[in-house]
Amino acid sequence: MIFKTQQPIKGYKNEDLTYNKGTKENPDIQPLTLEVVINLGLNSEVDNEVISPVDKMKIYGISVALYKSDTIDLTVDDMSFIKERVGKVLPSVVYGRITELFNTIPQN
């Protein structure tokens, strides 16, 4: 399934979510996009987590594809893996929106 990586992630009130890419002293507020969520979900680790070499290569492959263009073609397995990773490291609203997005059936 093909997704636009720059699409914004919405909050509970359907507002575009943002994140601070800078510091507290020098904020750099950016839109939270699908690209950012996939990157953070895949490349963040929780305490004491051991990621297998197979999963590290899966993370690497998806991450490389993520930055090749403004779209990414994800398999069902990729989407499941991303949802699992996002669920571990990002807030519930982001996990919920990613789950909704990945469960959407395209209308032709």
Protein backbone atom coordinates (compact mmCIF):
# COMPACT_ATOMS: atom_id res chain seq x y z
CA MET A 1 0.00 0.00 0.00
CA ILE A 2 1.41 3.41 -0.95
CA PHE A 3 1.41 6.27 1.57
CA LYS A 4 2.41 9.92 1.29
CA THR A 5 5.19 10.39 3.83
CA GLN A 6 4.57 14.11 4.34
CA GLN A 7 0.92 13.73 5.37
CA PRO A 8 0.29 15.22 8.82
CA ILE A 9 -0.69 13.13 11.81
CA LYS A 10 -3.85 14.41 13.49
CA GLY A 11 -4.59 14.78 17.19
CA TYR A 12 -7.75 13.84 19.09
CA LYS A 13 -9.49 17.04 17.91
CA ASN A 14 -8.34 16.44 14.32
CA GLU A 15 -5.68 19.15 14.61
CA ASP A 16 -2.27 18.70 13.00
CA LEU A 17 0.19 17.47 15.61
CA THR A 18 3.61 19.06 15.93
CA TYR A 19 6.88 18.29 17.67
CA ASN A 20 9.89 20.31 18.76
CA LYS A 21 12.87 19.39 16.61
CA GLY A 22 15.01 21.93 18.46
CA THR A 23 15.66 22.45 22.14
CA LYS A 24 13.69 24.02 24.96
CA GLU A 25 15.83 27.14 24.65
CA ASN A 26 15.73 27.21 20.84
CA PRO A 27 12.49 25.55 19.75
CA ASP A 28 11.98 24.45 16.16
CA ILE A 29 8.33 23.41 15.91
CA GLN A 30 7.70 21.07 12.98
CA PRO A 31 4.63 19.18 11.75
CA LEU A 32 4.41 15.57 12.88
CA THR A 33 4.25 13.68 9.60
CA LEU A 34 4.02 10.02 8.71
CA GLU A 35 7.72 10.14 7.83
CA VAL A 36 8.65 11.41 11.31
CA VAL A 37 6.40 8.86 13.05
CA ILE A 38 7.79 5.92 11.08
CA ASN A 39 11.36 7.12 11.66
CA LEU A 40 10.85 7.62 15.41
CA GLY A 41 8.92 4.38 15.80
CA LEU A 42 11.50 2.29 14.00
CA ASN A 43 14.68 3.91 15.25
CA SER A 44 13.82 4.48 18.92
CA GLU A 45 14.48 1.83 21.52
CA VAL A 46 12.87 1.26 24.91
CA ASP A 47 15.01 0.55 27.97
CA ASN A 48 16.58 -2.91 28.02
CA GLU A 49 15.18 -3.75 24.60
CA VAL A 50 17.18 -6.17 22.49
CA ILE A 51 16.44 -5.90 18.78
CA SER A 52 17.33 -8.97 16.76
CA PRO A 53 19.64 -8.66 13.74
CA VAL A 54 16.70 -9.64 11.50
CA ASP A 55 14.56 -6.82 12.91
CA LYS A 56 17.48 -4.37 12.65
CA MET A 57 17.72 -5.15 8.93
CA LYS A 58 13.96 -4.72 8.56
CA ILE A 59 14.23 -1.33 10.32
CA TYR A 60 17.11 -0.39 8.06
CA GLY A 61 15.29 -1.40 4.86
CA ILE A 62 12.09 0.48 5.71
CA SER A 63 14.07 3.53 6.86
CA VAL A 64 16.06 3.66 3.61
CA ALA A 65 12.83 3.39 1.57
CA LEU A 66 11.27 6.13 3.72
CA TYR A 67 13.77 8.73 2.51
CA LYS A 68 13.89 7.78 -1.18
CA SER A 69 10.78 9.76 -2.16
CA ASP A 70 7.66 11.46 -0.85
CA THR A 71 5.81 8.13 -0.88
CA ILE A 72 6.49 4.73 0.61
CA ASP A 73 5.09 1.38 -0.46
CA LEU A 74 4.50 -0.77 2.63
CA THR A 75 3.55 -4.42 2.80
CA VAL A 76 1.06 -5.72 5.36
CA ASP A 77 4.04 -7.13 7.28
CA ASP A 78 5.80 -3.72 7.19
CA MET A 79 2.69 -1.96 8.52
CA SER A 80 2.28 -4.48 11.32
CA PHE A 81 5.94 -4.11 12.28
CA ILE A 82 5.75 -0.30 12.25
CA LYS A 83 2.56 -0.32 14.37
CA GLU A 84 4.25 -2.59 16.91
CA ARG A 85 7.29 -0.30 17.13
CA VAL A 86 5.21 2.93 17.27
CA GLY A 87 3.08 1.43 20.04
CA LYS A 88 6.19 0.95 22.16
CA VAL A 89 7.69 4.43 21.89
CA LEU A 90 5.08 7.04 20.90
CA PRO A 91 1.90 8.37 22.57
CA SER A 92 -1.47 6.63 22.24
CA VAL A 93 -2.90 9.27 19.91
CA VAL A 94 -0.08 8.69 17.43
CA TYR A 95 -0.42 4.91 17.67
CA GLY A 96 -4.18 5.21 17.17
CA ARG A 97 -3.83 7.44 14.11
CA ILE A 98 -1.21 5.16 12.54
CA THR A 99 -3.45 2.16 13.16
CA GLU A 100 -6.40 3.99 11.54
CA LEU A 101 -4.24 5.02 8.57
CA PHE A 102 -2.84 1.54 8.01
CA ASN A 103 -6.28 -0.05 8.32
CA THR A 104 -7.79 2.27 5.68
CA ILE A 105 -8.82 0.50 2.52
CA PRO A 106 -8.12 2.67 -0.52
CA GLN A 107 -11.18 3.81 -2.46
CA ASN A 108 -10.77 3.74 -6.26
